[in-house]
Amino acid sequence: MSAAATGTDTEPTGTKDWWIYQGPGDAVRKCERLAEQLPPWREFTGDQDPEYVPPDSTDPAWPETDRRGSGYVPDAEEKDAVNTALYLRRPLLVTGKPGVGKSTLAYSIAADLELGPVLHWPVTSRSTLRDGLYQYDAIGRLHDANLGHLHASREADAPVPDQSIAPYLRLGPLGTALLPQEKPRVLLVDEIDKSDIDLPGDLLTVFEEGSFEIPELARVAGQEPRVRIGTHDDPNPRVWVEKGQVKCRAFPVVVLTSNGERDFPPPFLRRCIRLHMAPPGREKLTRIVRQRLGLDPAADDRYGDLVEAFLKRRMDGDLATDQLLNAVQLRLSGAWPDPEERERFLGTVLQQLTGAPSA
């Protein structure tokens, strides 16, 4: 029987010298070590736009990444898998039941290495590769062109409307992650198992080459060889793209999550580092509660029974860790104080996600 099934686990091991994520040193030193450990077959040579400054820990979006990532409690197995993916410049495919922290792991990596706000791509059954790479507002461009010609026809001295395609293009989360820069960005491709059957295969070339082409820009390269377009972080034109080509310099830290709703083709799996996250046991749940809510171990008697109730109810159906955090927060806030209402309180905040409804 697994540790998760019995509600037990062990404290994570100490820091390993080879780790970058959760390893020794500050974020600057960790990123320096990451740059030094480059496999020769994963070297990328994109030229960085000197005018483009990617978002960092001073960006308004950073506090959310830092908040979500700093409270994460990774196991040694998770640290090993993340660091393996970092060293090899390979995507990390994280599987597990909903609510075990798969997505939060991406924020933890970004926070630990200070790699800027996480680029989030939530995948649906309608998602295509182009959705992740870039968006092109063809209808908006046509509408503006018609208005411009109409205005020009009414006024003889009116200037010829600008036909540049640049204002109608914007890089998506994957496209932004592949911009050439010295430090990698963290890209979260969330719930890839919900995608169309072709998407994992379509991603292979992009992950292998670390580059892609924007056909709309490639076609007008003769007239506009260099255009400035928006990114996923900012719709305003921020970065120069030459001849429609985007090629990374530092391969992004790609975290793909899956709830296990489908299998993936072997060529896709071969290019990923795989990590399965089991539901946390008693010891890890206790550490998560302490870390997330900033509690001293001496306060365990205020919520220890809730951890036990969570584990008991999880045996009858899936529960998410944040449901336990909700229960502890309510306890600490003085809500539901009547002992006679305990079962109704637990049934309200610890309702199983699968299985028979809680009593």
Protein backbone atom coordinates (compact mmCIF):
# COMPACT_ATOMS: atom_id res chain seq x y z
CA MET A 1 0.00 0.00 0.00
CA SER A 2 1.32 3.44 -0.91
CA ALA A 3 2.24 6.11 1.63
CA ALA A 4 -0.48 8.36 0.28
CA ALA A 5 -3.09 5.65 0.78
CA THR A 6 -2.10 5.19 4.41
CA GLY A 7 -1.92 8.93 5.02
CA THR A 8 1.80 8.85 5.85
CA ASP A 9 4.89 10.20 4.19
CA THR A 10 8.32 11.36 5.21
CA GLU A 11 10.06 14.71 5.51
CA PRO A 12 11.87 15.68 2.30
CA THR A 13 15.59 15.03 2.22
CA GLY A 14 18.09 17.86 2.60
CA THR A 15 19.34 19.97 -0.28
CA LYS A 16 21.38 18.10 -2.88
CA ASP A 17 24.43 19.79 -4.36
CA TRP A 18 23.34 19.13 -7.94
CA TRP A 19 19.91 20.70 -7.53
CA ILE A 20 19.20 24.07 -9.11
CA TYR A 21 15.53 24.31 -8.15
CA GLN A 22 15.43 24.25 -4.33
CA GLY A 23 19.22 23.91 -4.44
CA PRO A 24 22.03 25.83 -2.74
CA GLY A 25 22.59 29.55 -3.34
CA ASP A 26 20.36 32.48 -4.18
CA ALA A 27 18.30 32.86 -7.34
CA VAL A 28 21.08 34.66 -9.23
CA ARG A 29 23.59 31.88 -8.55
CA LYS A 30 21.04 29.20 -9.40
CA CYS A 31 20.35 30.79 -12.81
CA GLU A 32 24.10 31.07 -13.44
CA ARG A 33 24.52 27.36 -12.73
CA LEU A 34 21.57 26.58 -15.00
CA ALA A 35 23.20 28.51 -17.86
CA GLU A 36 26.48 26.65 -17.30
CA GLN A 37 24.83 23.21 -17.46
CA LEU A 38 23.81 23.26 -21.12
CA PRO A 39 23.58 19.99 -23.14
CA PRO A 40 25.29 20.55 -26.50
CA TRP A 41 22.31 19.07 -28.33
CA ARG A 42 19.94 21.58 -26.67
CA GLU A 43 21.83 24.77 -27.53
CA PHE A 44 19.70 27.57 -28.97
CA THR A 45 21.05 30.68 -30.66
CA GLY A 46 18.24 33.21 -30.96
CA ASP A 47 19.34 36.87 -31.01
CA GLN A 48 17.87 38.84 -28.15
CA ASP A 49 16.10 42.12 -28.90
CA PRO A 50 18.15 44.66 -26.88
CA GLU A 51 15.07 46.87 -26.49
CA TYR A 52 12.92 44.10 -25.01
CA VAL A 53 12.99 43.76 -21.24
CA PRO A 54 11.04 40.68 -20.09
CA PRO A 55 8.97 40.94 -16.91
CA ASP A 56 10.87 40.14 -13.71
CA SER A 57 10.28 40.33 -9.96
CA THR A 58 9.51 44.05 -10.26
CA ASP A 59 6.58 43.45 -12.63
CA PRO A 60 3.05 44.07 -11.26
CA ALA A 61 2.13 40.46 -12.13
CA TRP A 62 5.00 39.01 -10.06
CA PRO A 63 3.36 39.05 -6.59
CA GLU A 64 0.74 36.51 -7.70
CA THR A 65 3.42 34.11 -8.97
CA ASP A 66 5.48 34.63 -5.82
CA ARG A 67 2.46 34.15 -3.55
CA ARG A 68 1.40 30.89 -5.19
CA GLY A 69 4.90 29.52 -5.55
CA SER A 70 6.49 30.44 -2.24
CA GLY A 71 3.99 28.43 -0.21
CA TYR A 72 4.49 25.22 -2.18
CA VAL A 73 5.98 22.21 -0.35
CA PRO A 74 7.78 19.94 -2.87
CA ASP A 75 8.90 16.38 -2.12
CA ALA A 76 12.41 15.19 -2.93
CA GLU A 77 10.96 13.22 -5.86
CA GLU A 78 9.43 16.38 -7.28
CA LYS A 79 12.69 18.30 -6.85
CA ASP A 80 14.62 15.53 -8.61
CA ALA A 81 12.21 15.54 -11.56
CA VAL A 82 12.17 19.34 -11.89
CA ASN A 83 15.95 19.55 -11.82
CA THR A 84 16.29 16.75 -14.34
CA ALA A 85 14.03 18.70 -16.71
CA LEU A 86 16.04 21.88 -16.07
CA TYR A 87 19.38 20.23 -16.83
CA LEU A 88 18.11 18.55 -20.02
CA ARG A 89 15.98 21.50 -21.23
CA ARG A 90 12.99 19.21 -21.57
CA PRO A 91 9.30 19.76 -20.77
CA LEU A 92 8.08 18.36 -17.45
CA LEU A 93 4.85 16.36 -17.78
CA VAL A 94 3.12 16.27 -14.38
CA THR A 95 0.24 13.85 -13.89
CA GLY A 96 -2.04 13.31 -10.91
CA LYS A 97 -5.53 13.82 -9.60
CA PRO A 98 -7.06 17.32 -9.52
CA GLY A 99 -6.06 19.37 -6.52
CA VAL A 100 -2.69 17.74 -5.71
CA GLY A 101 -0.67 20.83 -6.72
CA LYS A 102 0.40 20.12 -10.31
CA SER A 103 -0.12 23.69 -11.53
CA THR A 104 1.32 25.22 -8.37
CA LEU A 105 4.61 23.45 -9.03
CA ALA A 106 5.17 25.75 -12.04
CA TYR A 107 4.73 28.81 -9.81
CA SER A 108 7.12 27.30 -7.27
CA ILE A 109 9.84 26.98 -9.93
CA ALA A 110 9.34 30.57 -11.07
CA ALA A 111 9.40 31.86 -7.48
CA ASP A 112 12.45 29.86 -6.43
CA LEU A 113 14.55 30.93 -9.44
CA GLU A 114 12.93 34.39 -9.77
CA LEU A 115 12.11 33.85 -13.44
CA GLY A 116 9.30 36.38 -13.66
CA PRO A 117 5.53 35.87 -13.83
CA VAL A 118 4.39 32.44 -15.02
CA LEU A 119 3.05 32.32 -18.56
CA HIS A 120 -0.22 30.37 -18.31
CA TRP A 121 -1.82 28.52 -21.24
CA PRO A 122 -5.07 26.78 -20.14
CA VAL A 123 -5.81 24.12 -22.75
CA THR A 124 -9.30 23.14 -23.91
CA SER A 125 -10.62 20.72 -26.54
CA ARG A 126 -10.60 23.60 -29.04
CA SER A 127 -7.02 24.72 -28.41
CA THR A 128 -4.60 24.66 -31.34
CA LEU A 129 -0.86 25.16 -31.56
CA ARG A 130 -1.38 28.62 -33.04
CA ASP A 131 -3.39 29.68 -29.98
CA GLY A 132 -0.29 29.13 -27.87
CA LEU A 133 2.11 30.73 -30.35
CA TYR A 134 0.31 33.90 -31.45
CA GLN A 135 -3.03 35.54 -32.21
CA TYR A 136 -3.82 37.43 -35.40
CA ASP A 137 -6.85 39.72 -35.52
CA ALA A 138 -7.58 39.48 -39.25
CA ILE A 139 -11.14 40.78 -38.87
CA GLY A 140 -9.97 43.81 -36.92
CA ARG A 141 -7.38 44.59 -39.56
CA LEU A 142 -9.95 44.33 -42.36
CA HIS A 143 -12.38 46.52 -40.45
CA ASP A 144 -9.77 49.23 -39.83
CA ALA A 145 -8.64 49.10 -43.48
CA ASN A 146 -12.21 49.61 -44.71
CA LEU A 147 -12.70 52.54 -42.37
CA GLY A 148 -9.41 54.06 -43.49
CA HIS A 149 -10.29 53.78 -47.18
CA LEU A 150 -13.74 55.21 -46.53
CA HIS A 151 -12.22 58.19 -44.72
CA ALA A 152 -9.65 58.71 -47.49
CA SER A 153 -12.33 58.63 -50.19
CA ARG A 154 -14.22 61.42 -48.45
CA GLU A 155 -11.23 63.69 -47.99
CA ALA A 156 -8.96 64.27 -50.94
CA ASP A 157 -5.98 65.30 -48.81
CA ALA A 158 -6.34 62.42 -46.34
CA PRO A 159 -3.21 60.24 -46.02
CA VAL A 160 -3.20 56.69 -47.28
CA PRO A 161 -4.10 54.44 -44.32
CA ASP A 162 -1.28 52.47 -42.70
CA GLN A 163 -1.51 48.83 -43.83
CA SER A 164 1.03 47.42 -41.36
CA ILE A 165 0.06 44.05 -39.97
CA ALA A 166 1.97 44.53 -36.71
CA PRO A 167 -0.82 46.10 -34.60
CA TYR A 168 -3.01 43.04 -35.19
CA LEU A 169 -0.51 40.45 -34.00
CA ARG A 170 0.23 39.37 -30.44
CA LEU A 171 2.34 36.50 -29.16
CA GLY A 172 0.59 33.85 -27.08
CA PRO A 173 1.99 32.29 -23.89
CA LEU A 174 4.08 29.70 -25.76
CA GLY A 175 5.27 32.26 -28.31
CA THR A 176 6.26 34.67 -25.55
CA ALA A 177 8.14 31.91 -23.71
CA LEU A 178 10.16 31.25 -26.87
CA LEU A 179 11.37 34.84 -27.25
CA PRO A 180 15.18 34.96 -27.17
CA GLN A 181 16.33 36.06 -23.70
CA GLU A 182 19.12 35.26 -21.29
CA LYS A 183 16.95 33.70 -18.57
CA PRO A 184 14.14 31.23 -19.33
CA ARG A 185 10.49 31.98 -18.64
CA VAL A 186 8.23 29.44 -16.95
CA LEU A 187 5.37 28.24 -19.16
CA LEU A 188 2.45 26.35 -17.63
CA VAL A 189 0.48 24.34 -20.21
CA ASP A 190 -2.48 23.41 -18.05
CA GLU A 191 -4.56 20.24 -18.57
CA ILE A 192 -3.05 19.21 -21.88
CA ASP A 193 -5.00 15.95 -21.66
CA LYS A 194 -8.12 17.97 -22.57
CA SER A 195 -6.62 18.99 -25.91
CA ASP A 196 -7.45 17.82 -29.38
CA ILE A 197 -5.64 14.59 -30.22
CA ASP A 198 -3.23 16.42 -32.56
CA LEU A 199 -1.91 19.09 -30.18
CA PRO A 200 0.76 17.00 -28.37
CA GLY A 201 2.19 15.97 -31.73
CA ASP A 202 2.07 19.54 -33.03
CA LEU A 203 4.11 20.67 -30.03
CA LEU A 204 6.97 18.25 -30.77
CA THR A 205 8.66 20.32 -33.47
CA VAL A 206 8.37 23.52 -31.47
CA PHE A 207 9.87 21.87 -28.37
CA GLU A 208 12.66 20.29 -30.41
CA GLU A 209 13.59 23.35 -32.44
CA GLY A 210 12.81 26.01 -29.84
CA SER A 211 11.49 28.18 -32.65
CA PHE A 212 8.48 28.88 -34.87
CA GLU A 213 7.39 31.02 -37.79
CA ILE A 214 4.58 33.55 -37.99
CA PRO A 215 3.40 33.02 -41.60
CA GLU A 216 1.56 36.34 -41.74
CA LEU A 217 4.85 38.15 -41.09
CA ALA A 218 6.94 35.86 -43.28
CA ARG A 219 4.69 36.67 -46.26
CA VAL A 220 5.24 40.43 -45.91
CA ALA A 221 8.94 40.21 -45.00
CA GLY A 222 9.85 41.93 -48.27
CA GLN A 223 7.87 45.04 -47.33
CA GLU A 224 8.19 44.76 -43.54
CA PRO A 225 11.26 42.71 -42.66
CA ARG A 226 11.18 43.84 -39.04
CA VAL A 227 8.02 44.56 -37.06
CA ARG A 228 7.27 45.17 -33.43
CA ILE A 229 4.39 43.23 -31.86
CA GLY A 230 2.78 42.61 -28.48
CA THR A 231 3.43 39.71 -26.11
CA HIS A 232 1.25 37.63 -23.83
CA ASP A 233 2.33 39.90 -20.97
CA ASP A 234 1.44 43.14 -22.76
CA PRO A 235 -0.71 43.68 -25.89
CA ASN A 236 1.19 46.85 -26.75
CA PRO A 237 4.04 46.45 -29.25
CA ARG A 238 7.08 45.45 -27.18
CA VAL A 239 9.40 43.17 -29.13
CA TRP A 240 10.92 43.20 -32.61
CA VAL A 241 10.39 40.13 -34.82
CA GLU A 242 12.47 39.75 -37.99
CA LYS A 243 11.08 38.02 -41.08
CA GLY A 244 8.44 36.30 -39.01
CA GLN A 245 10.95 34.10 -37.15
CA VAL A 246 11.01 33.60 -33.36
CA LYS A 247 13.84 31.49 -31.95
CA CYS A 248 14.63 31.09 -28.28
CA ARG A 249 17.99 31.57 -26.62
CA ALA A 250 17.22 30.06 -23.21
CA PHE A 251 14.77 27.17 -23.56
CA PRO A 252 11.72 27.89 -21.38
CA VAL A 253 10.85 25.88 -18.30
CA VAL A 254 7.77 24.07 -19.61
CA VAL A 255 5.40 22.40 -17.15
CA LEU A 256 2.56 20.41 -18.72
CA THR A 257 -0.17 19.12 -16.42
CA SER A 258 -2.52 16.21 -17.00
CA ASN A 259 -5.35 14.74 -14.94
CA GLY A 260 -4.87 11.42 -16.70
CA GLU A 261 -7.94 11.67 -18.93
CA ARG A 262 -6.03 10.33 -21.95
CA ASP A 263 -2.80 8.71 -23.03
CA PHE A 264 -0.11 10.49 -25.04
CA PRO A 265 1.81 9.18 -28.07
CA PRO A 266 5.27 7.64 -27.38
CA PRO A 267 7.19 10.31 -29.39
CA PHE A 268 5.68 12.98 -27.14
CA LEU A 269 6.39 11.08 -23.93
CA ARG A 270 9.96 10.40 -25.05
CA ARG A 271 10.67 14.12 -25.13
CA CYS A 272 9.25 14.81 -21.67
CA ILE A 273 10.46 14.22 -18.13
CA ARG A 274 7.51 12.59 -16.37
CA LEU A 275 6.41 13.11 -12.78
CA HIS A 276 3.38 11.57 -11.12
CA MET A 277 2.13 13.42 -8.05
CA ALA A 278 0.30 11.24 -5.54
CA PRO A 279 -2.13 12.80 -3.04
CA PRO A 280 -0.13 14.08 -0.06
CA GLY A 281 -0.11 12.06 3.14
CA ARG A 282 -0.39 13.19 6.75
CA GLU A 283 3.11 14.62 7.19
CA LYS A 284 3.10 16.56 3.94
CA LEU A 285 -0.41 17.90 4.53
CA THR A 286 0.72 19.18 7.91
CA ARG A 287 3.73 20.91 6.34
CA ILE A 288 1.50 22.43 3.65
CA VAL A 289 -0.89 23.84 6.24
CA ARG A 290 1.97 25.32 8.25
CA GLN A 291 3.66 26.81 5.19
CA ARG A 292 0.56 28.19 3.49
CA LEU A 293 -1.02 29.68 6.59
CA GLY A 294 2.19 30.66 8.36
CA LEU A 295 1.50 28.56 11.43
CA ASP A 296 3.90 27.50 14.16
CA PRO A 297 4.13 23.74 14.86
CA ALA A 298 2.92 24.51 18.37
CA ALA A 299 -0.46 25.37 16.87
CA ASP A 300 -0.97 21.88 15.44
CA ASP A 301 -3.57 21.07 18.07
CA ARG A 302 -5.81 23.71 16.51
CA TYR A 303 -6.11 21.84 13.20
CA GLY A 304 -4.62 18.35 13.61
CA ASP A 305 -8.08 16.80 13.81
CA LEU A 306 -8.97 18.44 10.48
CA VAL A 307 -6.01 16.74 8.80
CA GLU A 308 -7.24 13.40 10.15
CA ALA A 309 -10.80 14.12 8.99
CA PHE A 310 -9.48 15.09 5.56
CA LEU A 311 -7.57 11.82 5.21
CA LYS A 312 -10.56 9.77 6.35
CA ARG A 313 -12.93 11.44 3.90
CA ARG A 314 -10.42 11.14 1.07
CA MET A 315 -10.65 7.36 1.32
CA ASP A 316 -14.24 7.58 0.02
CA GLY A 317 -13.61 10.11 -2.77
CA ASP A 318 -11.06 12.59 -4.07
CA LEU A 319 -10.40 15.79 -2.16
CA ALA A 320 -8.20 18.74 -3.10
CA THR A 321 -5.58 20.07 -0.72
CA ASP A 322 -7.02 23.57 -0.86
CA GLN A 323 -10.21 22.18 0.70
CA LEU A 324 -8.18 21.31 3.80
CA LEU A 325 -6.70 24.82 3.80
CA ASN A 326 -10.23 26.23 3.62
CA ALA A 327 -11.27 24.13 6.61
CA VAL A 328 -8.25 25.19 8.68
CA GLN A 329 -8.76 28.84 7.78
CA LEU A 330 -12.37 28.64 8.94
CA ARG A 331 -11.26 27.00 12.19
CA LEU A 332 -8.65 29.70 12.82
CA SER A 333 -11.23 32.41 12.02
CA GLY A 334 -13.61 31.11 14.64
CA ALA A 335 -16.26 30.00 12.14
CA TRP A 336 -18.52 27.01 12.89
CA PRO A 337 -17.64 27.07 16.63
CA ASP A 338 -20.43 24.73 17.80
CA PRO A 339 -18.99 21.20 18.35
CA GLU A 340 -22.40 19.74 17.57
CA GLU A 341 -22.15 21.12 14.03
CA ARG A 342 -18.76 19.51 13.34
CA GLU A 343 -20.03 16.91 10.89
CA ARG A 344 -22.09 19.47 8.99
CA PHE A 345 -19.04 21.74 8.89
CA LEU A 346 -16.87 18.94 7.47
CA GLY A 347 -19.56 17.97 4.98
CA THR A 348 -19.72 21.56 3.76
CA VAL A 349 -15.99 22.26 3.27
CA LEU A 350 -14.68 18.71 2.64
CA GLN A 351 -17.17 17.60 0.02
CA GLN A 352 -15.65 14.80 -2.10
CA LEU A 353 -14.94 15.61 -5.73
CA THR A 354 -15.61 12.02 -6.75
CA GLY A 355 -17.39 9.07 -5.19
CA ALA A 356 -20.58 9.17 -3.13
CA PRO A 357 -21.61 12.59 -1.76
CA SER A 358 -20.50 13.31 1.79
CA ALA A 359 -23.05 12.88 4.53
